[in-house]
Amino acid sequence: MEEAFPDARQILDYYHCQEHIHEFANARFADKAARDKWLRETTNRLFQNKLGSVLAGLRRMKLTGEAAEKRDALCSYLSKNKDRMDYGKAKRGGYPLGSGAIESANKFISHIRLKRSGAWWKVNLANNILALRCSRYNKSFDRFFAAYEKSQRQDLGPARPSLSLCQGGGRK
């Protein structure tokens, strides 16, 4: 991601993150009221960019067995993604918190065209088709095609008039 889009703001899919948090909460809390309270407080902390507080609270819990394993997995997951979890700032900035729109666009733009029954592709040709489809749907096709035409003119060198135009040929 960093290589392809070095300036992009990365946001960990909030709903996937919540799945991990709920999985731990279900293993940790037998009491529904205690579980719901912990989930509310943890979610609020994540939206306030207080991941350190969430991690510290998790590490203080004296757990054994499955709950300890789920806690350790959650701590690892949250720590690995700490730079991608400022949900409050993302929401205030109008960024989507989930990846559903991206996943849907990927399916619509890529899979429908490339995964048709009987279709097979060479990688470079598939990438060209995907670039055209993306430019069509993000309304940049005209810019994309103008850049392509310019690159083709540069590859061919100075333009020469066609023979038919020089000789006054053509249909009458």
N, C-alpha and C. Protein backbone atom coordinates (compact mmCIF):
# COMPACT_ATOMS: atom_id res chain seq x y z
N MET A 1 0.83 -1.19 0.00
CA MET A 1 0.00 0.00 0.00
C MET A 1 0.87 1.25 0.00
N GLU A 2 1.89 1.27 0.86
CA GLU A 2 2.75 2.44 0.96
C GLU A 2 3.50 2.68 -0.34
N GLU A 3 3.87 1.61 -1.02
CA GLU A 3 4.61 1.75 -2.27
C GLU A 3 3.73 2.29 -3.38
N ALA A 4 2.53 1.75 -3.50
CA ALA A 4 1.63 2.17 -4.58
C ALA A 4 0.99 3.52 -4.31
N PHE A 5 0.65 3.81 -3.06
CA PHE A 5 -0.04 5.04 -2.71
C PHE A 5 0.62 5.67 -1.47
N PRO A 6 1.82 6.23 -1.62
CA PRO A 6 2.56 6.70 -0.45
C PRO A 6 1.87 7.82 0.33
N ASP A 7 1.02 8.61 -0.30
CA ASP A 7 0.37 9.73 0.38
C ASP A 7 -1.06 9.41 0.83
N ALA A 8 -1.49 8.18 0.62
CA ALA A 8 -2.87 7.83 0.95
C ALA A 8 -3.06 7.74 2.46
N ARG A 9 -4.25 8.12 2.90
CA ARG A 9 -4.61 7.95 4.32
C ARG A 9 -5.21 6.56 4.44
N GLN A 10 -4.56 5.72 5.23
CA GLN A 10 -5.05 4.36 5.43
C GLN A 10 -5.92 4.31 6.68
N ILE A 11 -7.05 3.65 6.53
CA ILE A 11 -7.97 3.50 7.64
C ILE A 11 -8.32 2.01 7.74
N LEU A 12 -8.06 1.44 8.89
CA LEU A 12 -8.44 0.05 9.12
C LEU A 12 -9.96 -0.04 9.11
N ASP A 13 -10.48 -0.96 8.35
CA ASP A 13 -11.93 -1.12 8.27
C ASP A 13 -12.51 -1.25 9.68
N TYR A 14 -13.32 -0.28 10.05
CA TYR A 14 -13.89 -0.20 11.40
C TYR A 14 -14.70 -1.45 11.74
N TYR A 15 -15.45 -1.94 10.78
CA TYR A 15 -16.34 -3.06 11.03
C TYR A 15 -15.54 -4.36 11.20
N HIS A 16 -14.45 -4.51 10.47
CA HIS A 16 -13.57 -5.66 10.68
C HIS A 16 -12.92 -5.57 12.06
N CYS A 17 -12.50 -4.37 12.44
CA CYS A 17 -11.90 -4.16 13.76
C CYS A 17 -12.91 -4.52 14.85
N GLN A 18 -14.15 -4.11 14.67
CA GLN A 18 -15.19 -4.41 15.66
C GLN A 18 -15.43 -5.92 15.77
N GLU A 19 -15.30 -6.65 14.67
CA GLU A 19 -15.44 -8.10 14.72
C GLU A 19 -14.40 -8.70 15.68
N HIS A 20 -13.15 -8.22 15.58
CA HIS A 20 -12.08 -8.71 16.46
C HIS A 20 -12.37 -8.35 17.92
N ILE A 21 -12.83 -7.14 18.14
CA ILE A 21 -13.12 -6.67 19.50
C ILE A 21 -14.28 -7.48 20.10
N HIS A 22 -15.32 -7.71 19.30
CA HIS A 22 -16.47 -8.49 19.79
C HIS A 22 -16.09 -9.94 20.05
N GLU A 23 -15.21 -10.49 19.22
CA GLU A 23 -14.78 -11.88 19.43
C GLU A 23 -14.11 -12.02 20.80
N PHE A 24 -13.25 -11.05 21.12
CA PHE A 24 -12.62 -11.08 22.45
C PHE A 24 -13.67 -10.88 23.55
N ALA A 25 -14.54 -9.90 23.39
CA ALA A 25 -15.53 -9.59 24.42
C ALA A 25 -16.42 -10.78 24.70
N ASN A 26 -16.78 -11.52 23.66
CA ASN A 26 -17.63 -12.70 23.85
C ASN A 26 -16.89 -13.79 24.63
N ALA A 27 -15.58 -13.89 24.44
CA ALA A 27 -14.79 -14.89 25.19
C ALA A 27 -14.53 -14.42 26.62
N ARG A 28 -14.45 -13.12 26.83
CA ARG A 28 -14.07 -12.56 28.13
C ARG A 28 -15.25 -12.40 29.09
N PHE A 29 -16.38 -11.92 28.59
CA PHE A 29 -17.50 -11.55 29.46
C PHE A 29 -18.66 -12.51 29.30
N ALA A 30 -19.03 -13.16 30.38
CA ALA A 30 -20.23 -14.01 30.37
C ALA A 30 -21.48 -13.16 30.56
N ASP A 31 -21.33 -12.06 31.30
CA ASP A 31 -22.45 -11.17 31.60
C ASP A 31 -22.66 -10.19 30.45
N LYS A 32 -23.84 -10.21 29.84
CA LYS A 32 -24.13 -9.37 28.68
C LYS A 32 -24.01 -7.87 28.99
N ALA A 33 -24.49 -7.47 30.13
CA ALA A 33 -24.43 -6.05 30.50
C ALA A 33 -22.98 -5.58 30.64
N ALA A 34 -22.13 -6.39 31.28
CA ALA A 34 -20.71 -6.04 31.43
C ALA A 34 -20.03 -6.00 30.06
N ARG A 35 -20.36 -6.98 29.21
CA ARG A 35 -19.79 -7.03 27.86
C ARG A 35 -20.18 -5.79 27.07
N ASP A 36 -21.45 -5.43 27.08
CA ASP A 36 -21.93 -4.28 26.31
C ASP A 36 -21.30 -2.98 26.81
N LYS A 37 -21.16 -2.87 28.14
CA LYS A 37 -20.52 -1.67 28.71
C LYS A 37 -19.07 -1.58 28.26
N TRP A 38 -18.34 -2.68 28.32
CA TRP A 38 -16.93 -2.69 27.90
C TRP A 38 -16.82 -2.36 26.41
N LEU A 39 -17.71 -2.91 25.60
CA LEU A 39 -17.69 -2.63 24.15
C LEU A 39 -17.94 -1.15 23.87
N ARG A 40 -18.92 -0.56 24.56
CA ARG A 40 -19.21 0.87 24.38
C ARG A 40 -18.00 1.72 24.74
N GLU A 41 -17.42 1.43 25.90
CA GLU A 41 -16.27 2.22 26.36
C GLU A 41 -15.06 2.05 25.44
N THR A 42 -14.83 0.85 24.98
CA THR A 42 -13.70 0.59 24.08
C THR A 42 -13.90 1.30 22.75
N THR A 43 -15.10 1.23 22.22
CA THR A 43 -15.39 1.92 20.95
C THR A 43 -15.22 3.42 21.11
N ASN A 44 -15.70 3.97 22.22
CA ASN A 44 -15.52 5.41 22.46
C ASN A 44 -14.04 5.78 22.52
N ARG A 45 -13.24 4.97 23.17
CA ARG A 45 -11.80 5.24 23.25
C ARG A 45 -11.16 5.21 21.87
N LEU A 46 -11.57 4.26 21.04
CA LEU A 46 -11.00 4.20 19.69
C LEU A 46 -11.36 5.45 18.89
N PHE A 47 -12.57 5.95 19.06
CA PHE A 47 -12.98 7.17 18.34
C PHE A 47 -12.30 8.41 18.90
N GLN A 48 -11.80 8.34 20.12
CA GLN A 48 -11.06 9.46 20.72
C GLN A 48 -9.55 9.29 20.51
N ASN A 49 -9.17 8.33 19.68
CA ASN A 49 -7.76 8.04 19.39
C ASN A 49 -6.98 7.69 20.65
N LYS A 50 -7.59 6.89 21.52
CA LYS A 50 -6.96 6.45 22.77
C LYS A 50 -6.66 4.96 22.72
N LEU A 51 -6.02 4.55 21.64
CA LEU A 51 -5.68 3.14 21.49
C LEU A 51 -4.75 2.67 22.60
N GLY A 52 -3.83 3.51 23.02
CA GLY A 52 -2.92 3.16 24.10
C GLY A 52 -3.67 2.77 25.36
N SER A 53 -4.73 3.50 25.66
CA SER A 53 -5.56 3.20 26.82
C SER A 53 -6.26 1.86 26.66
N VAL A 54 -6.74 1.58 25.47
CA VAL A 54 -7.41 0.29 25.20
C VAL A 54 -6.42 -0.86 25.39
N LEU A 55 -5.23 -0.71 24.81
CA LEU A 55 -4.21 -1.76 24.93
C LEU A 55 -3.78 -1.97 26.38
N ALA A 56 -3.59 -0.87 27.10
CA ALA A 56 -3.18 -0.97 28.51
C ALA A 56 -4.25 -1.70 29.33
N GLY A 57 -5.51 -1.38 29.08
CA GLY A 57 -6.60 -2.05 29.78
C GLY A 57 -6.66 -3.53 29.46
N LEU A 58 -6.45 -3.88 28.21
CA LEU A 58 -6.45 -5.29 27.83
C LEU A 58 -5.31 -6.03 28.52
N ARG A 59 -4.14 -5.43 28.55
CA ARG A 59 -2.97 -6.10 29.14
C ARG A 59 -3.09 -6.25 30.65
N ARG A 60 -3.87 -5.39 31.30
CA ARG A 60 -4.06 -5.49 32.76
C ARG A 60 -5.02 -6.61 33.15
N MET A 61 -5.81 -7.07 32.21
CA MET A 61 -6.79 -8.11 32.53
C MET A 61 -6.09 -9.42 32.87
N LYS A 62 -6.44 -9.99 33.99
CA LYS A 62 -5.89 -11.28 34.42
C LYS A 62 -6.78 -12.37 33.81
N LEU A 63 -6.30 -12.99 32.76
CA LEU A 63 -7.10 -13.98 32.03
C LEU A 63 -6.31 -15.27 31.84
N THR A 64 -7.05 -16.34 31.60
CA THR A 64 -6.44 -17.63 31.28
C THR A 64 -7.22 -18.26 30.13
N GLY A 65 -6.64 -19.30 29.58
CA GLY A 65 -7.34 -20.08 28.56
C GLY A 65 -7.67 -19.30 27.30
N GLU A 66 -8.87 -19.58 26.77
CA GLU A 66 -9.31 -18.98 25.51
C GLU A 66 -9.37 -17.46 25.60
N ALA A 67 -9.86 -16.93 26.70
CA ALA A 67 -9.96 -15.48 26.85
C ALA A 67 -8.58 -14.82 26.76
N ALA A 68 -7.56 -15.46 27.36
CA ALA A 68 -6.19 -14.92 27.31
C ALA A 68 -5.67 -14.98 25.87
N GLU A 69 -5.95 -16.07 25.18
CA GLU A 69 -5.52 -16.20 23.78
C GLU A 69 -6.18 -15.14 22.90
N LYS A 70 -7.48 -14.93 23.08
CA LYS A 70 -8.22 -13.93 22.30
C LYS A 70 -7.71 -12.52 22.62
N ARG A 71 -7.43 -12.27 23.89
CA ARG A 71 -6.88 -10.97 24.29
C ARG A 71 -5.54 -10.72 23.62
N ASP A 72 -4.65 -11.71 23.65
CA ASP A 72 -3.33 -11.56 23.05
C ASP A 72 -3.43 -11.34 21.54
N ALA A 73 -4.35 -12.07 20.89
CA ALA A 73 -4.56 -11.89 19.45
C ALA A 73 -5.09 -10.49 19.16
N LEU A 74 -6.01 -10.01 19.99
CA LEU A 74 -6.57 -8.66 19.80
C LEU A 74 -5.49 -7.60 20.01
N CYS A 75 -4.68 -7.75 21.05
CA CYS A 75 -3.59 -6.79 21.30
C CYS A 75 -2.64 -6.74 20.11
N SER A 76 -2.31 -7.89 19.57
CA SER A 76 -1.41 -7.96 18.41
C SER A 76 -2.04 -7.27 17.20
N TYR A 77 -3.30 -7.55 16.95
CA TYR A 77 -4.03 -6.95 15.83
C TYR A 77 -4.10 -5.43 15.96
N LEU A 78 -4.47 -4.95 17.13
CA LEU A 78 -4.59 -3.51 17.35
C LEU A 78 -3.23 -2.83 17.26
N SER A 79 -2.20 -3.44 17.83
CA SER A 79 -0.86 -2.85 17.79
C SER A 79 -0.34 -2.77 16.36
N LYS A 80 -0.57 -3.82 15.61
CA LYS A 80 -0.10 -3.86 14.21
C LYS A 80 -0.78 -2.77 13.37
N ASN A 81 -2.00 -2.42 13.71
CA ASN A 81 -2.78 -1.47 12.92
C ASN A 81 -2.93 -0.11 13.58
N LYS A 82 -2.12 0.19 14.58
CA LYS A 82 -2.31 1.41 15.38
C LYS A 82 -2.28 2.69 14.55
N ASP A 83 -1.52 2.74 13.48
CA ASP A 83 -1.43 3.96 12.67
C ASP A 83 -2.60 4.10 11.71
N ARG A 84 -3.50 3.14 11.70
CA ARG A 84 -4.62 3.15 10.75
C ARG A 84 -5.97 3.22 11.47
N MET A 85 -5.96 3.67 12.75
CA MET A 85 -7.18 3.56 13.54
C MET A 85 -7.68 4.88 14.14
N ASP A 86 -7.36 6.00 13.58
CA ASP A 86 -7.87 7.26 14.13
C ASP A 86 -9.27 7.50 13.55
N TYR A 87 -10.23 6.75 14.08
CA TYR A 87 -11.58 6.75 13.53
C TYR A 87 -12.30 8.09 13.70
N GLY A 88 -12.09 8.74 14.82
CA GLY A 88 -12.74 10.03 15.04
C GLY A 88 -12.31 11.05 14.00
N LYS A 89 -11.02 11.15 13.76
CA LYS A 89 -10.49 12.09 12.77
C LYS A 89 -10.97 11.72 11.37
N ALA A 90 -10.98 10.44 11.06
CA ALA A 90 -11.45 9.99 9.75
C ALA A 90 -12.92 10.35 9.55
N LYS A 91 -13.72 10.13 10.57
CA LYS A 91 -15.15 10.44 10.47
C LYS A 91 -15.37 11.94 10.31
N ARG A 92 -14.64 12.73 11.11
CA ARG A 92 -14.77 14.19 10.97
C ARG A 92 -14.33 14.67 9.60
N GLY A 93 -13.36 13.98 9.01
CA GLY A 93 -12.86 14.35 7.68
C GLY A 93 -13.73 13.84 6.55
N GLY A 94 -14.76 13.09 6.88
CA GLY A 94 -15.67 12.59 5.85
C GLY A 94 -15.18 11.33 5.14
N TYR A 95 -14.16 10.68 5.70
CA TYR A 95 -13.66 9.46 5.10
C TYR A 95 -14.53 8.28 5.50
N PRO A 96 -14.69 7.31 4.61
CA PRO A 96 -15.46 6.12 5.00
C PRO A 96 -14.68 5.30 6.02
N LEU A 97 -15.38 4.74 6.98
CA LEU A 97 -14.74 3.92 8.01
C LEU A 97 -14.70 2.45 7.62
N GLY A 98 -15.49 2.07 6.65
CA GLY A 98 -15.52 0.68 6.20
C GLY A 98 -14.99 0.55 4.79
N SER A 99 -14.65 -0.66 4.43
CA SER A 99 -14.09 -0.91 3.10
C SER A 99 -15.14 -1.42 2.12
N GLY A 100 -16.40 -1.44 2.54
CA GLY A 100 -17.46 -1.98 1.68
C GLY A 100 -17.56 -1.32 0.33
N ALA A 101 -17.45 0.00 0.28
CA ALA A 101 -17.55 0.70 -1.01
C ALA A 101 -16.39 0.33 -1.92
N ILE A 102 -15.20 0.21 -1.36
CA ILE A 102 -14.03 -0.17 -2.15
C ILE A 102 -14.17 -1.61 -2.64
N GLU A 103 -14.59 -2.49 -1.75
CA GLU A 103 -14.76 -3.89 -2.13
C GLU A 103 -15.82 -4.03 -3.21
N SER A 104 -16.90 -3.27 -3.10
CA SER A 104 -17.95 -3.31 -4.10
C SER A 104 -17.46 -2.77 -5.44
N ALA A 105 -16.72 -1.67 -5.40
CA ALA A 105 -16.18 -1.10 -6.64
C ALA A 105 -15.20 -2.08 -7.29
N ASN A 106 -14.39 -2.74 -6.48
CA ASN A 106 -13.45 -3.71 -7.02
C ASN A 106 -14.19 -4.84 -7.72
N LYS A 107 -15.26 -5.30 -7.10
CA LYS A 107 -16.05 -6.37 -7.72
C LYS A 107 -16.68 -5.88 -9.02
N PHE A 108 -17.25 -4.68 -8.98
CA PHE A 108 -17.94 -4.14 -10.14
C PHE A 108 -16.97 -3.86 -11.29
N ILE A 109 -15.83 -3.24 -10.97
CA ILE A 109 -14.90 -2.84 -12.02
C ILE A 109 -14.03 -4.00 -12.48
N SER A 110 -13.51 -4.77 -11.54
CA SER A 110 -12.53 -5.80 -11.88
C SER A 110 -13.15 -7.16 -12.15
N HIS A 111 -13.82 -7.70 -11.17
CA HIS A 111 -14.26 -9.08 -11.26
C HIS A 111 -15.24 -9.33 -12.39
N ILE A 112 -16.19 -8.41 -12.56
CA ILE A 112 -17.20 -8.61 -13.59
C ILE A 112 -16.54 -8.72 -14.97
N ARG A 113 -15.51 -7.94 -15.20
CA ARG A 113 -14.84 -7.95 -16.51
C ARG A 113 -13.82 -9.07 -16.64
N LEU A 114 -13.03 -9.29 -15.59
CA LEU A 114 -11.91 -10.22 -15.70
C LEU A 114 -12.25 -11.66 -15.38
N LYS A 115 -13.30 -11.87 -14.59
CA LYS A 115 -13.60 -13.23 -14.15
C LYS A 115 -14.81 -13.83 -14.86
N ARG A 116 -15.05 -13.37 -16.07
CA ARG A 116 -16.15 -13.94 -16.84
C ARG A 116 -15.86 -15.39 -17.17
N SER A 117 -16.89 -16.14 -17.36
CA SER A 117 -16.72 -17.54 -17.71
C SER A 117 -15.92 -17.66 -19.01
N GLY A 118 -14.86 -18.44 -18.94
CA GLY A 118 -14.03 -18.68 -20.12
C GLY A 118 -12.99 -17.61 -20.39
N ALA A 119 -12.97 -16.55 -19.60
CA ALA A 119 -12.02 -15.45 -19.84
C ALA A 119 -10.64 -15.83 -19.32
N TRP A 120 -9.62 -15.43 -20.02
CA TRP A 120 -8.25 -15.57 -19.55
C TRP A 120 -7.50 -14.34 -20.01
N TRP A 121 -6.50 -13.96 -19.26
CA TRP A 121 -5.83 -12.69 -19.51
C TRP A 121 -4.33 -12.82 -19.31
N LYS A 122 -3.59 -12.04 -20.10
CA LYS A 122 -2.19 -11.79 -19.80
C LYS A 122 -2.19 -10.62 -18.82
N VAL A 123 -1.29 -10.63 -17.87
CA VAL A 123 -1.31 -9.64 -16.79
C VAL A 123 -1.28 -8.21 -17.34
N ASN A 124 -0.38 -7.91 -18.28
CA ASN A 124 -0.29 -6.53 -18.76
C ASN A 124 -1.55 -6.10 -19.49
N LEU A 125 -2.20 -7.00 -20.20
CA LEU A 125 -3.44 -6.64 -20.89
C LEU A 125 -4.58 -6.45 -19.89
N ALA A 126 -4.63 -7.29 -18.88
CA ALA A 126 -5.66 -7.13 -17.85
C ALA A 126 -5.48 -5.80 -17.13
N ASN A 127 -4.25 -5.43 -16.82
CA ASN A 127 -4.00 -4.16 -16.15
C ASN A 127 -4.43 -2.99 -17.03
N ASN A 128 -4.23 -3.09 -18.33
CA ASN A 128 -4.67 -2.03 -19.25
C ASN A 128 -6.19 -1.90 -19.24
N ILE A 129 -6.88 -3.02 -19.29
CA ILE A 129 -8.35 -2.99 -19.26
C ILE A 129 -8.84 -2.40 -17.94
N LEU A 130 -8.21 -2.80 -16.83
CA LEU A 130 -8.62 -2.26 -15.53
C LEU A 130 -8.38 -0.76 -15.45
N ALA A 131 -7.27 -0.29 -16.00
CA ALA A 131 -7.00 1.15 -16.00
C ALA A 131 -8.08 1.90 -16.78
N LEU A 132 -8.49 1.35 -17.92
CA LEU A 132 -9.56 1.98 -18.70
C LEU A 132 -10.89 1.96 -17.95
N ARG A 133 -11.21 0.84 -17.35
CA ARG A 133 -12.48 0.75 -16.61
C ARG A 133 -12.49 1.69 -15.41
N CYS A 134 -11.37 1.77 -14.69
CA CYS A 134 -11.30 2.69 -13.56
C CYS A 134 -11.47 4.13 -14.03
N SER A 135 -10.81 4.48 -15.11
CA SER A 135 -10.90 5.86 -15.59
C SER A 135 -12.31 6.19 -16.06
N ARG A 136 -13.01 5.18 -16.58
CA ARG A 136 -14.39 5.41 -17.01
C ARG A 136 -15.28 5.73 -15.81
N TYR A 137 -15.14 4.95 -14.74
CA TYR A 137 -16.02 5.10 -13.60
C TYR A 137 -15.63 6.24 -12.67
N ASN A 138 -14.37 6.67 -12.69
CA ASN A 138 -14.02 7.81 -11.84
C ASN A 138 -13.98 9.11 -12.64
N LYS A 139 -14.53 9.07 -13.84
CA LYS A 139 -14.71 10.26 -14.69
C LYS A 139 -13.38 10.90 -15.11
N SER A 140 -12.33 10.10 -15.24
CA SER A 140 -11.05 10.66 -15.69
C SER A 140 -10.65 10.10 -17.05
N PHE A 141 -11.58 9.48 -17.77
CA PHE A 141 -11.25 8.86 -19.04
C PHE A 141 -10.67 9.86 -20.04
N ASP A 142 -11.27 11.05 -20.14
CA ASP A 142 -10.76 12.03 -21.11
C ASP A 142 -9.32 12.40 -20.82
N ARG A 143 -8.99 12.64 -19.55
CA ARG A 143 -7.60 12.93 -19.17
C ARG A 143 -6.69 11.74 -19.46
N PHE A 144 -7.18 10.57 -19.11
CA PHE A 144 -6.43 9.33 -19.31
C PHE A 144 -6.11 9.15 -20.79
N PHE A 145 -7.14 9.32 -21.65
CA PHE A 145 -6.95 9.10 -23.08
C PHE A 145 -6.07 10.18 -23.69
N ALA A 146 -6.19 11.42 -23.26
CA ALA A 146 -5.32 12.50 -23.75
C ALA A 146 -3.87 12.20 -23.42
N ALA A 147 -3.61 11.72 -22.21
CA ALA A 147 -2.23 11.36 -21.83
C ALA A 147 -1.73 10.20 -22.69
N TYR A 148 -2.60 9.25 -22.98
CA TYR A 148 -2.21 8.12 -23.84
C TYR A 148 -1.87 8.62 -25.24
N GLU A 149 -2.73 9.46 -25.81
CA GLU A 149 -2.47 9.99 -27.16
C GLU A 149 -1.16 10.76 -27.20
N LYS A 150 -0.90 11.56 -26.17
CA LYS A 150 0.35 12.32 -26.11
C LYS A 150 1.56 11.38 -26.08
N SER A 151 1.47 10.32 -25.28
CA SER A 151 2.59 9.37 -25.20
C SER A 151 2.80 8.67 -26.54
N GLN A 152 1.72 8.40 -27.25
CA GLN A 152 1.84 7.75 -28.56
C GLN A 152 2.48 8.68 -29.59
N ARG A 153 2.12 9.96 -29.54
CA ARG A 153 2.73 10.94 -30.47
C ARG A 153 4.22 11.06 -30.19
N GLN A 154 4.60 11.04 -28.92
CA GLN A 154 6.01 11.14 -28.55
C GLN A 154 6.77 9.91 -29.01
N ASP A 155 6.15 8.73 -28.93
CA ASP A 155 6.79 7.50 -29.36
C ASP A 155 7.01 7.47 -30.86
N LEU A 156 6.11 8.09 -31.62
CA LEU A 156 6.20 8.05 -33.09
C LEU A 156 7.09 9.14 -33.65
N GLY A 157 7.44 10.10 -32.87
CA GLY A 157 8.25 11.22 -33.36
C GLY A 157 7.36 12.26 -34.01
N PRO A 158 7.95 13.17 -34.82
CA PRO A 158 7.14 14.22 -35.43
C PRO A 158 6.08 13.62 -36.35
N ALA A 159 4.92 14.20 -36.30
CA ALA A 159 3.82 13.72 -37.14
C ALA A 159 4.11 14.03 -38.60
N ARG A 160 3.80 13.07 -39.46
CA ARG A 160 3.93 13.28 -40.91
C ARG A 160 2.55 13.22 -41.50
N PRO A 161 2.27 14.09 -42.43
CA PRO A 161 0.95 14.01 -43.08
C PRO A 161 0.84 12.70 -43.85
N SER A 162 -0.36 12.17 -43.91
CA SER A 162 -0.54 10.92 -44.64
C SER A 162 -0.39 11.17 -46.13
N LEU A 163 -0.02 10.14 -46.88
CA LEU A 163 0.24 10.23 -48.31
C LEU A 163 -0.99 10.70 -49.04
N SER A 164 -2.16 10.22 -48.66
CA SER A 164 -3.39 10.59 -49.35
C SER A 164 -3.67 12.09 -49.20
N LEU A 165 -3.35 12.66 -48.06
CA LEU A 165 -3.58 14.09 -47.87
C LEU A 165 -2.57 14.92 -48.67
N CYS A 166 -1.33 14.45 -48.77
CA CYS A 166 -0.31 15.19 -49.52
C CYS A 166 -0.63 15.21 -51.01
N GLN A 167 -1.22 14.16 -51.48
CA GLN A 167 -1.48 14.06 -52.92
C GLN A 167 -2.87 14.53 -53.27
N GLY A 168 -3.55 15.06 -52.29
CA GLY A 168 -4.90 15.54 -52.58
C GLY A 168 -5.88 14.41 -52.77
N GLY A 169 -5.51 13.22 -52.27
CA GLY A 169 -6.37 12.05 -52.44
C GLY A 169 -7.55 12.09 -51.51
N GLY A 170 -8.25 11.04 -51.48
CA GLY A 170 -9.42 10.92 -50.63
C GLY A 170 -10.66 10.76 -51.46
N ARG A 171 -11.76 10.59 -50.84
CA ARG A 171 -13.04 10.38 -51.55
C ARG A 171 -13.56 11.68 -52.11
N LYS A 172 -14.22 11.56 -53.21
CA LYS A 172 -14.86 12.73 -53.82
C LYS A 172 -16.32 12.49 -53.94
